[in-house]
Amino acid sequence: MWQRAITCLLTLLLVSGCNSDTPNIAEHHDDQIESSWMQDRDMVDAVQFLEDGGVYENTLPDHDIDAKIVLPLVRQLRDEFALDVYVLLTDSAHAHSVIVDISELPRNDDRRPLIVDAIQKADDEFPGLLADKWGEEWLSFDLLDEFETKVFTKADLEALRKNIRDERDANRG
C-alpha cells in the first residue's frame, strides 16, 4: 500500500523539477501507461467493474472509498463528459489503476476545466489525496488514504499537493 504512495510522490516530484529542456512529461506518462501498466493486464470498463463488486481502493476496514469517491467520479467522467474510463486489472476482482481515455479531448475543449473541477471536488471530499496525472492520451488517478499520506513529511505532502494543483490548473485549458 505505501509503495504506491512512494511511487506517486516520486512521479510528481520528478514532474515538478522539469523545465523546457526535459522531455514532454505528458508523452512520458502516456508511454508509461501503454508500455508498462497495460502490459499483461486486462482493461475493462471501470463503472461496470466497480458496480459488479470489483475492488480498486478499498484497503481499509470501514472505508468504502470505491463507493464514496471512485465510482461517483468515474460515473461522472463517463456520463457527464462522455469519456471512456477503464481499470487495468491485477486479477479478476482487483484493479491496478484507473485510466481515462482523453485522446479525443483537445486542450481547448470546453469540458476540460469542468473535468478538472470534478476531480478537484472528489479530492476535496476524500480524506487523503487524489493524485491525478494528465498525459496527452491518458488521464490516470490514484488515491492515497489518510494513512498512506503519513509516510510523507508535511513539507513533501504540501509539495505534492502544490504539484497536483499546478497540473490541474495547467489542464483547465
N, C-alpha and C. Protein backbone atom coordinates (compact mmCIF):
# COMPACT_ATOMS: atom_id res chain seq x y z
N MET A 1 0.82 -1.18 0.00
CA MET A 1 0.00 0.00 0.00
C MET A 1 0.87 1.25 0.00
N TRP A 2 1.85 1.34 0.87
CA TRP A 2 2.64 2.56 0.93
C TRP A 2 3.61 2.65 -0.23
N GLN A 3 3.90 1.53 -0.93
CA GLN A 3 4.75 1.61 -2.11
C GLN A 3 4.09 2.48 -3.18
N ARG A 4 2.76 2.39 -3.27
CA ARG A 4 2.03 3.21 -4.23
C ARG A 4 2.17 4.68 -3.87
N ALA A 5 2.16 4.98 -2.58
CA ALA A 5 2.33 6.37 -2.12
C ALA A 5 3.71 6.89 -2.52
N ILE A 6 4.72 6.07 -2.34
CA ILE A 6 6.08 6.47 -2.70
C ILE A 6 6.19 6.68 -4.21
N THR A 7 5.62 5.76 -5.00
CA THR A 7 5.65 5.89 -6.46
C THR A 7 4.97 7.18 -6.90
N CYS A 8 3.83 7.46 -6.31
CA CYS A 8 3.09 8.69 -6.65
C CYS A 8 3.93 9.92 -6.32
N LEU A 9 4.54 9.94 -5.15
CA LEU A 9 5.36 11.08 -4.75
C LEU A 9 6.53 11.27 -5.70
N LEU A 10 7.23 10.20 -6.00
CA LEU A 10 8.40 10.31 -6.89
C LEU A 10 7.99 10.80 -8.27
N THR A 11 6.90 10.28 -8.80
CA THR A 11 6.43 10.72 -10.11
C THR A 11 6.12 12.21 -10.11
N LEU A 12 5.39 12.66 -9.11
CA LEU A 12 5.01 14.07 -9.08
C LEU A 12 6.19 14.98 -8.76
N LEU A 13 7.12 14.52 -7.94
CA LEU A 13 8.31 15.34 -7.68
C LEU A 13 9.18 15.45 -8.91
N LEU A 14 9.26 14.38 -9.69
CA LEU A 14 10.01 14.45 -10.95
C LEU A 14 9.38 15.46 -11.89
N VAL A 15 8.06 15.46 -11.95
CA VAL A 15 7.35 16.41 -12.81
C VAL A 15 7.63 17.84 -12.37
N SER A 16 7.67 18.07 -11.06
CA SER A 16 7.85 19.43 -10.57
C SER A 16 9.23 19.97 -10.89
N GLY A 17 10.20 19.12 -11.10
CA GLY A 17 11.55 19.59 -11.39
C GLY A 17 11.83 19.74 -12.86
N CYS A 18 10.82 19.59 -13.69
CA CYS A 18 11.03 19.63 -15.12
C CYS A 18 11.09 21.05 -15.64
N ASN A 19 11.88 21.23 -16.70
CA ASN A 19 11.93 22.52 -17.37
C ASN A 19 11.84 22.29 -18.85
N SER A 20 12.01 23.32 -19.63
CA SER A 20 11.81 23.20 -21.08
C SER A 20 12.82 22.30 -21.75
N ASP A 21 13.94 21.97 -21.10
CA ASP A 21 14.95 21.10 -21.70
C ASP A 21 14.64 19.62 -21.49
N THR A 22 13.61 19.30 -20.72
CA THR A 22 13.29 17.92 -20.44
C THR A 22 12.25 17.40 -21.42
N PRO A 23 12.14 16.08 -21.56
CA PRO A 23 11.14 15.51 -22.47
C PRO A 23 9.74 15.90 -22.04
N ASN A 24 8.81 15.79 -22.95
CA ASN A 24 7.41 16.09 -22.68
C ASN A 24 6.88 15.10 -21.64
N ILE A 25 6.50 15.62 -20.48
CA ILE A 25 6.06 14.79 -19.37
C ILE A 25 4.73 14.10 -19.69
N ALA A 26 3.84 14.78 -20.41
CA ALA A 26 2.57 14.17 -20.78
C ALA A 26 2.80 12.95 -21.67
N GLU A 27 3.70 13.08 -22.64
CA GLU A 27 4.02 11.94 -23.51
C GLU A 27 4.67 10.82 -22.70
N HIS A 28 5.51 11.17 -21.76
CA HIS A 28 6.15 10.16 -20.91
C HIS A 28 5.10 9.40 -20.10
N HIS A 29 4.10 10.12 -19.58
CA HIS A 29 3.04 9.48 -18.81
C HIS A 29 2.26 8.51 -19.69
N ASP A 30 1.90 8.95 -20.89
CA ASP A 30 1.20 8.07 -21.83
C ASP A 30 2.02 6.82 -22.13
N ASP A 31 3.31 7.02 -22.36
CA ASP A 31 4.19 5.89 -22.66
C ASP A 31 4.26 4.93 -21.48
N GLN A 32 4.33 5.46 -20.27
CA GLN A 32 4.38 4.60 -19.08
C GLN A 32 3.10 3.75 -18.99
N ILE A 33 1.96 4.36 -19.23
CA ILE A 33 0.70 3.61 -19.18
C ILE A 33 0.68 2.53 -20.25
N GLU A 34 1.04 2.90 -21.49
CA GLU A 34 0.93 1.96 -22.61
C GLU A 34 2.01 0.88 -22.59
N SER A 35 3.21 1.22 -22.19
CA SER A 35 4.30 0.22 -22.26
C SER A 35 4.52 -0.54 -20.96
N SER A 36 3.97 -0.04 -19.86
CA SER A 36 4.18 -0.72 -18.59
C SER A 36 2.85 -1.15 -17.95
N TRP A 37 1.99 -0.19 -17.65
CA TRP A 37 0.77 -0.53 -16.93
C TRP A 37 -0.14 -1.45 -17.72
N MET A 38 -0.24 -1.26 -19.03
CA MET A 38 -1.16 -2.06 -19.84
C MET A 38 -0.60 -3.45 -20.16
N GLN A 39 0.68 -3.65 -19.97
CA GLN A 39 1.29 -4.93 -20.29
C GLN A 39 0.78 -6.01 -19.34
N ASP A 40 0.30 -7.08 -19.91
CA ASP A 40 -0.16 -8.25 -19.15
C ASP A 40 -1.31 -7.95 -18.19
N ARG A 41 -2.08 -6.90 -18.47
CA ARG A 41 -3.25 -6.59 -17.65
C ARG A 41 -4.45 -6.43 -18.57
N ASP A 42 -5.57 -6.98 -18.15
CA ASP A 42 -6.81 -6.76 -18.89
C ASP A 42 -7.33 -5.36 -18.56
N MET A 43 -7.94 -4.72 -19.57
CA MET A 43 -8.52 -3.40 -19.41
C MET A 43 -10.03 -3.56 -19.57
N VAL A 44 -10.78 -3.14 -18.53
CA VAL A 44 -12.24 -3.27 -18.56
C VAL A 44 -12.89 -1.96 -18.16
N ASP A 45 -14.16 -1.82 -18.49
CA ASP A 45 -14.92 -0.63 -18.15
C ASP A 45 -14.93 -0.44 -16.63
N ALA A 46 -14.52 0.74 -16.17
CA ALA A 46 -14.39 1.00 -14.73
C ALA A 46 -15.72 0.99 -14.01
N VAL A 47 -16.74 1.61 -14.60
CA VAL A 47 -18.04 1.67 -13.94
C VAL A 47 -18.60 0.27 -13.75
N GLN A 48 -18.60 -0.51 -14.81
CA GLN A 48 -19.14 -1.87 -14.72
C GLN A 48 -18.36 -2.71 -13.70
N PHE A 49 -17.04 -2.60 -13.72
CA PHE A 49 -16.18 -3.35 -12.79
C PHE A 49 -16.55 -3.02 -11.34
N LEU A 50 -16.66 -1.73 -11.03
CA LEU A 50 -16.95 -1.32 -9.66
C LEU A 50 -18.39 -1.66 -9.27
N GLU A 51 -19.33 -1.49 -10.19
CA GLU A 51 -20.72 -1.84 -9.90
C GLU A 51 -20.88 -3.33 -9.65
N ASP A 52 -20.05 -4.14 -10.30
CA ASP A 52 -20.11 -5.60 -10.13
C ASP A 52 -19.34 -6.08 -8.89
N GLY A 53 -18.82 -5.15 -8.07
CA GLY A 53 -18.15 -5.52 -6.84
C GLY A 53 -16.64 -5.60 -6.93
N GLY A 54 -16.08 -5.22 -8.05
CA GLY A 54 -14.62 -5.19 -8.16
C GLY A 54 -14.04 -4.16 -7.21
N VAL A 55 -12.79 -4.36 -6.83
CA VAL A 55 -12.14 -3.52 -5.83
C VAL A 55 -10.98 -2.75 -6.45
N TYR A 56 -11.00 -1.44 -6.26
CA TYR A 56 -9.85 -0.62 -6.64
C TYR A 56 -9.13 -0.10 -5.41
N GLU A 57 -9.84 0.57 -4.52
CA GLU A 57 -9.16 1.30 -3.45
C GLU A 57 -9.60 0.94 -2.05
N ASN A 58 -10.48 -0.03 -1.88
CA ASN A 58 -10.96 -0.35 -0.53
C ASN A 58 -9.91 -1.15 0.23
N THR A 59 -8.96 -0.45 0.82
CA THR A 59 -7.86 -1.12 1.51
C THR A 59 -8.01 -1.11 3.02
N LEU A 60 -8.91 -0.29 3.54
CA LEU A 60 -9.06 -0.16 4.98
C LEU A 60 -10.46 -0.60 5.40
N PRO A 61 -10.57 -1.25 6.56
CA PRO A 61 -11.89 -1.60 7.05
C PRO A 61 -12.71 -0.33 7.30
N ASP A 62 -14.00 -0.42 7.07
CA ASP A 62 -14.93 0.69 7.30
C ASP A 62 -14.67 1.90 6.41
N HIS A 63 -13.91 1.75 5.35
CA HIS A 63 -13.67 2.84 4.39
C HIS A 63 -14.14 2.35 3.03
N ASP A 64 -15.30 2.76 2.61
CA ASP A 64 -15.80 2.34 1.32
C ASP A 64 -15.44 3.40 0.28
N ILE A 65 -14.17 3.53 0.03
CA ILE A 65 -13.65 4.57 -0.86
C ILE A 65 -14.16 4.38 -2.28
N ASP A 66 -14.26 3.12 -2.73
CA ASP A 66 -14.76 2.88 -4.08
C ASP A 66 -16.18 3.43 -4.24
N ALA A 67 -17.06 3.14 -3.28
CA ALA A 67 -18.45 3.58 -3.38
C ALA A 67 -18.61 5.08 -3.16
N LYS A 68 -17.81 5.65 -2.27
CA LYS A 68 -17.97 7.07 -1.92
C LYS A 68 -17.23 8.02 -2.85
N ILE A 69 -16.09 7.61 -3.38
CA ILE A 69 -15.25 8.52 -4.16
C ILE A 69 -15.05 8.04 -5.60
N VAL A 70 -14.55 6.81 -5.76
CA VAL A 70 -14.12 6.34 -7.08
C VAL A 70 -15.30 6.15 -8.03
N LEU A 71 -16.30 5.39 -7.63
CA LEU A 71 -17.43 5.12 -8.52
C LEU A 71 -18.18 6.40 -8.93
N PRO A 72 -18.50 7.30 -8.00
CA PRO A 72 -19.15 8.55 -8.45
C PRO A 72 -18.29 9.35 -9.44
N LEU A 73 -16.99 9.39 -9.22
CA LEU A 73 -16.12 10.14 -10.13
C LEU A 73 -16.05 9.48 -11.50
N VAL A 74 -15.87 8.17 -11.57
CA VAL A 74 -15.78 7.53 -12.89
C VAL A 74 -17.12 7.58 -13.62
N ARG A 75 -18.22 7.49 -12.87
CA ARG A 75 -19.54 7.66 -13.50
C ARG A 75 -19.67 9.06 -14.10
N GLN A 76 -19.27 10.07 -13.34
CA GLN A 76 -19.37 11.44 -13.83
C GLN A 76 -18.49 11.65 -15.06
N LEU A 77 -17.28 11.13 -15.04
CA LEU A 77 -16.39 11.26 -16.20
C LEU A 77 -17.01 10.60 -17.43
N ARG A 78 -17.65 9.46 -17.23
CA ARG A 78 -18.30 8.75 -18.34
C ARG A 78 -19.59 9.45 -18.77
N ASP A 79 -20.48 9.69 -17.83
CA ASP A 79 -21.82 10.16 -18.17
C ASP A 79 -21.88 11.65 -18.52
N GLU A 80 -21.22 12.47 -17.74
CA GLU A 80 -21.31 13.91 -17.96
C GLU A 80 -20.34 14.40 -19.03
N PHE A 81 -19.17 13.76 -19.12
CA PHE A 81 -18.14 14.26 -20.03
C PHE A 81 -17.86 13.33 -21.21
N ALA A 82 -18.62 12.24 -21.31
CA ALA A 82 -18.52 11.29 -22.43
C ALA A 82 -17.11 10.76 -22.63
N LEU A 83 -16.46 10.41 -21.52
CA LEU A 83 -15.12 9.84 -21.59
C LEU A 83 -15.17 8.35 -21.30
N ASP A 84 -14.27 7.60 -21.92
CA ASP A 84 -14.14 6.18 -21.65
C ASP A 84 -13.21 6.01 -20.46
N VAL A 85 -13.71 5.35 -19.41
CA VAL A 85 -12.95 5.17 -18.17
C VAL A 85 -12.75 3.68 -17.95
N TYR A 86 -11.51 3.30 -17.71
CA TYR A 86 -11.16 1.88 -17.57
C TYR A 86 -10.41 1.62 -16.27
N VAL A 87 -10.42 0.37 -15.88
CA VAL A 87 -9.48 -0.09 -14.86
C VAL A 87 -8.59 -1.13 -15.53
N LEU A 88 -7.35 -1.14 -15.10
CA LEU A 88 -6.41 -2.19 -15.50
C LEU A 88 -6.37 -3.18 -14.35
N LEU A 89 -6.65 -4.43 -14.66
CA LEU A 89 -6.84 -5.43 -13.62
C LEU A 89 -5.53 -6.05 -13.14
N THR A 90 -5.47 -6.25 -11.83
CA THR A 90 -4.42 -7.07 -11.22
C THR A 90 -4.86 -8.52 -11.31
N ASP A 91 -6.12 -8.77 -10.99
CA ASP A 91 -6.78 -10.06 -11.18
C ASP A 91 -8.25 -9.76 -11.44
N SER A 92 -9.09 -10.77 -11.52
CA SER A 92 -10.47 -10.55 -11.92
C SER A 92 -11.28 -9.70 -10.94
N ALA A 93 -10.83 -9.56 -9.70
CA ALA A 93 -11.59 -8.81 -8.70
C ALA A 93 -10.90 -7.54 -8.22
N HIS A 94 -9.65 -7.30 -8.65
CA HIS A 94 -8.88 -6.16 -8.14
C HIS A 94 -8.26 -5.36 -9.28
N ALA A 95 -8.36 -4.04 -9.15
CA ALA A 95 -7.80 -3.16 -10.18
C ALA A 95 -6.44 -2.63 -9.75
N HIS A 96 -5.55 -2.51 -10.71
CA HIS A 96 -4.23 -1.91 -10.51
C HIS A 96 -4.31 -0.40 -10.61
N SER A 97 -5.07 0.09 -11.57
CA SER A 97 -5.13 1.53 -11.81
C SER A 97 -6.41 1.90 -12.54
N VAL A 98 -6.77 3.18 -12.43
CA VAL A 98 -7.89 3.74 -13.18
C VAL A 98 -7.29 4.67 -14.22
N ILE A 99 -7.71 4.48 -15.48
CA ILE A 99 -7.23 5.34 -16.56
C ILE A 99 -8.42 5.84 -17.37
N VAL A 100 -8.27 7.04 -17.90
CA VAL A 100 -9.34 7.69 -18.66
C VAL A 100 -8.77 8.05 -20.03
N ASP A 101 -9.47 7.64 -21.08
CA ASP A 101 -9.04 7.95 -22.44
C ASP A 101 -9.40 9.41 -22.74
N ILE A 102 -8.37 10.26 -22.86
CA ILE A 102 -8.59 11.68 -23.19
C ILE A 102 -8.02 12.02 -24.55
N SER A 103 -7.80 10.99 -25.37
CA SER A 103 -7.18 11.21 -26.69
C SER A 103 -8.03 12.09 -27.59
N GLU A 104 -9.34 12.12 -27.37
CA GLU A 104 -10.23 12.94 -28.19
C GLU A 104 -10.61 14.24 -27.48
N LEU A 105 -9.85 14.61 -26.47
CA LEU A 105 -10.14 15.80 -25.68
C LEU A 105 -9.04 16.84 -25.91
N PRO A 106 -9.24 17.71 -26.89
CA PRO A 106 -8.19 18.70 -27.18
C PRO A 106 -8.01 19.67 -26.01
N ARG A 107 -6.84 20.29 -25.96
CA ARG A 107 -6.52 21.23 -24.88
C ARG A 107 -7.53 22.36 -24.76
N ASN A 108 -8.14 22.76 -25.87
CA ASN A 108 -9.08 23.88 -25.83
C ASN A 108 -10.54 23.43 -25.67
N ASP A 109 -10.77 22.16 -25.37
CA ASP A 109 -12.12 21.64 -25.20
C ASP A 109 -12.77 22.27 -23.97
N ASP A 110 -14.02 22.72 -24.12
CA ASP A 110 -14.74 23.37 -23.03
C ASP A 110 -14.98 22.44 -21.84
N ARG A 111 -14.92 21.12 -22.06
CA ARG A 111 -15.13 20.17 -20.97
C ARG A 111 -13.94 20.09 -20.03
N ARG A 112 -12.76 20.43 -20.52
CA ARG A 112 -11.54 20.23 -19.74
C ARG A 112 -11.58 20.91 -18.37
N PRO A 113 -11.92 22.20 -18.27
CA PRO A 113 -11.96 22.80 -16.92
C PRO A 113 -13.03 22.17 -16.03
N LEU A 114 -14.12 21.71 -16.63
CA LEU A 114 -15.17 21.06 -15.84
C LEU A 114 -14.71 19.71 -15.31
N ILE A 115 -13.91 19.00 -16.11
CA ILE A 115 -13.33 17.73 -15.67
C ILE A 115 -12.38 17.97 -14.51
N VAL A 116 -11.54 18.98 -14.64
CA VAL A 116 -10.62 19.34 -13.56
C VAL A 116 -11.41 19.67 -12.29
N ASP A 117 -12.49 20.42 -12.43
CA ASP A 117 -13.32 20.76 -11.27
C ASP A 117 -13.93 19.52 -10.63
N ALA A 118 -14.37 18.56 -11.44
CA ALA A 118 -14.95 17.32 -10.90
C ALA A 118 -13.91 16.54 -10.11
N ILE A 119 -12.69 16.48 -10.65
CA ILE A 119 -11.61 15.77 -9.94
C ILE A 119 -11.27 16.51 -8.65
N GLN A 120 -11.21 17.83 -8.70
CA GLN A 120 -10.92 18.62 -7.50
C GLN A 120 -12.00 18.40 -6.44
N LYS A 121 -13.26 18.35 -6.86
CA LYS A 121 -14.35 18.12 -5.91
C LYS A 121 -14.21 16.76 -5.24
N ALA A 122 -13.88 15.72 -6.02
CA ALA A 122 -13.67 14.39 -5.44
C ALA A 122 -12.49 14.41 -4.48
N ASP A 123 -11.43 15.13 -4.84
CA ASP A 123 -10.27 15.25 -3.96
C ASP A 123 -10.66 15.95 -2.66
N ASP A 124 -11.46 16.99 -2.75
CA ASP A 124 -11.89 17.72 -1.56
C ASP A 124 -12.72 16.84 -0.63
N GLU A 125 -13.48 15.89 -1.19
CA GLU A 125 -14.33 15.01 -0.38
C GLU A 125 -13.57 13.82 0.20
N PHE A 126 -12.37 13.59 -0.28
CA PHE A 126 -11.58 12.44 0.13
C PHE A 126 -10.65 12.85 1.28
N PRO A 127 -10.60 12.07 2.36
CA PRO A 127 -9.77 12.47 3.49
C PRO A 127 -8.26 12.35 3.25
N GLY A 128 -7.87 11.73 2.18
CA GLY A 128 -6.46 11.62 1.85
C GLY A 128 -6.09 12.55 0.71
N LEU A 129 -5.55 11.99 -0.36
CA LEU A 129 -5.10 12.76 -1.50
C LEU A 129 -5.47 12.04 -2.78
N LEU A 130 -6.13 12.72 -3.69
CA LEU A 130 -6.41 12.18 -5.01
C LEU A 130 -5.37 12.79 -5.94
N ALA A 131 -4.49 11.95 -6.44
CA ALA A 131 -3.39 12.42 -7.30
C ALA A 131 -3.71 12.05 -8.74
N ASP A 132 -4.02 13.07 -9.55
CA ASP A 132 -4.30 12.83 -10.96
C ASP A 132 -3.09 13.23 -11.79
N LYS A 133 -2.89 12.50 -12.88
CA LYS A 133 -1.76 12.75 -13.77
C LYS A 133 -2.30 12.78 -15.19
N TRP A 134 -2.02 13.87 -15.91
CA TRP A 134 -2.54 14.08 -17.25
C TRP A 134 -1.47 13.81 -18.29
N GLY A 135 -1.80 12.94 -19.24
CA GLY A 135 -0.99 12.78 -20.43
C GLY A 135 -1.72 13.44 -21.59
N GLU A 136 -1.26 13.17 -22.80
CA GLU A 136 -1.97 13.65 -23.98
C GLU A 136 -3.09 12.68 -24.37
N GLU A 137 -2.87 11.39 -24.11
CA GLU A 137 -3.82 10.33 -24.47
C GLU A 137 -4.59 9.80 -23.25
N TRP A 138 -3.93 9.80 -22.10
CA TRP A 138 -4.48 9.16 -20.91
C TRP A 138 -4.42 10.07 -19.70
N LEU A 139 -5.46 10.00 -18.88
CA LEU A 139 -5.51 10.62 -17.56
C LEU A 139 -5.60 9.47 -16.57
N SER A 140 -4.78 9.51 -15.55
CA SER A 140 -4.87 8.47 -14.52
C SER A 140 -5.02 9.15 -13.17
N PHE A 141 -5.54 8.43 -12.21
CA PHE A 141 -5.56 8.96 -10.86
C PHE A 141 -5.35 7.85 -9.86
N ASP A 142 -4.80 8.24 -8.74
CA ASP A 142 -4.53 7.33 -7.65
C ASP A 142 -5.00 8.00 -6.37
N LEU A 143 -5.45 7.21 -5.43
CA LEU A 143 -5.89 7.75 -4.15
C LEU A 143 -4.97 7.26 -3.06
N LEU A 144 -4.50 8.20 -2.27
CA LEU A 144 -3.68 7.87 -1.11
C LEU A 144 -4.52 8.21 0.11
N ASP A 145 -4.87 7.18 0.89
CA ASP A 145 -5.72 7.44 2.05
C ASP A 145 -4.93 8.16 3.13
N GLU A 146 -5.64 8.55 4.19
CA GLU A 146 -5.01 9.35 5.23
C GLU A 146 -3.86 8.61 5.91
N PHE A 147 -3.86 7.29 5.88
CA PHE A 147 -2.77 6.53 6.47
C PHE A 147 -1.56 6.48 5.53
N GLU A 148 -1.83 6.34 4.23
CA GLU A 148 -0.74 6.32 3.25
C GLU A 148 -0.01 7.66 3.19
N THR A 149 -0.74 8.75 3.39
CA THR A 149 -0.10 10.06 3.32
C THR A 149 0.81 10.32 4.52
N LYS A 150 0.68 9.53 5.56
CA LYS A 150 1.52 9.72 6.75
C LYS A 150 2.98 9.34 6.51
N VAL A 151 3.29 8.65 5.40
CA VAL A 151 4.69 8.32 5.12
C VAL A 151 5.47 9.53 4.63
N PHE A 152 4.76 10.62 4.29
CA PHE A 152 5.40 11.83 3.80
C PHE A 152 5.63 12.81 4.94
N THR A 153 6.67 13.61 4.81
CA THR A 153 6.81 14.73 5.72
C THR A 153 5.76 15.75 5.34
N LYS A 154 5.47 16.66 6.24
CA LYS A 154 4.49 17.69 5.95
C LYS A 154 4.92 18.51 4.73
N ALA A 155 6.20 18.83 4.64
CA ALA A 155 6.71 19.62 3.50
C ALA A 155 6.57 18.85 2.19
N ASP A 156 6.87 17.55 2.21
CA ASP A 156 6.73 16.74 0.99
C ASP A 156 5.28 16.63 0.56
N LEU A 157 4.38 16.47 1.52
CA LEU A 157 2.96 16.37 1.21
C LEU A 157 2.45 17.69 0.64
N GLU A 158 2.88 18.80 1.19
CA GLU A 158 2.47 20.10 0.65
C GLU A 158 3.03 20.31 -0.76
N ALA A 159 4.28 19.88 -0.99
CA ALA A 159 4.87 19.98 -2.34
C ALA A 159 4.09 19.12 -3.32
N LEU A 160 3.69 17.94 -2.89
CA LEU A 160 2.90 17.05 -3.72
C LEU A 160 1.54 17.68 -4.05
N ARG A 161 0.88 18.22 -3.05
CA ARG A 161 -0.41 18.89 -3.28
C ARG A 161 -0.25 20.08 -4.23
N LYS A 162 0.82 20.85 -4.07
CA LYS A 162 1.06 22.00 -4.95
C LYS A 162 1.27 21.54 -6.39
N ASN A 163 2.04 20.48 -6.58
CA ASN A 163 2.26 19.95 -7.94
C ASN A 163 0.96 19.50 -8.57
N ILE A 164 0.11 18.86 -7.79
CA ILE A 164 -1.18 18.40 -8.31
C ILE A 164 -2.04 19.60 -8.68
N ARG A 165 -2.10 20.61 -7.81
CA ARG A 165 -2.88 21.82 -8.11
C ARG A 165 -2.36 22.52 -9.37
N ASP A 166 -1.02 22.62 -9.47
CA ASP A 166 -0.43 23.27 -10.65
C ASP A 166 -0.78 22.52 -11.93
N GLU A 167 -0.73 21.18 -11.88
CA GLU A 167 -1.07 20.41 -13.08
C GLU A 167 -2.55 20.55 -13.41
N ARG A 168 -3.39 20.56 -12.40
CA ARG A 168 -4.82 20.77 -12.65
C ARG A 168 -5.05 22.13 -13.29
N ASP A 169 -4.40 23.16 -12.77
CA ASP A 169 -4.55 24.50 -13.34
C ASP A 169 -4.09 24.52 -14.80
N ALA A 170 -3.00 23.82 -15.11
CA ALA A 170 -2.49 23.78 -16.47
C ALA A 170 -3.46 23.05 -17.42
N ASN A 171 -4.26 22.15 -16.87
CA ASN A 171 -5.18 21.37 -17.70
C ASN A 171 -6.58 21.95 -17.77
N ARG A 172 -6.76 23.13 -17.24
CA ARG A 172 -8.06 23.80 -17.36
C ARG A 172 -8.28 24.31 -18.77
N GLY A 173 -7.22 24.33 -19.57
CA GLY A 173 -7.37 24.73 -20.96
C GLY A 173 -6.74 26.05 -21.29
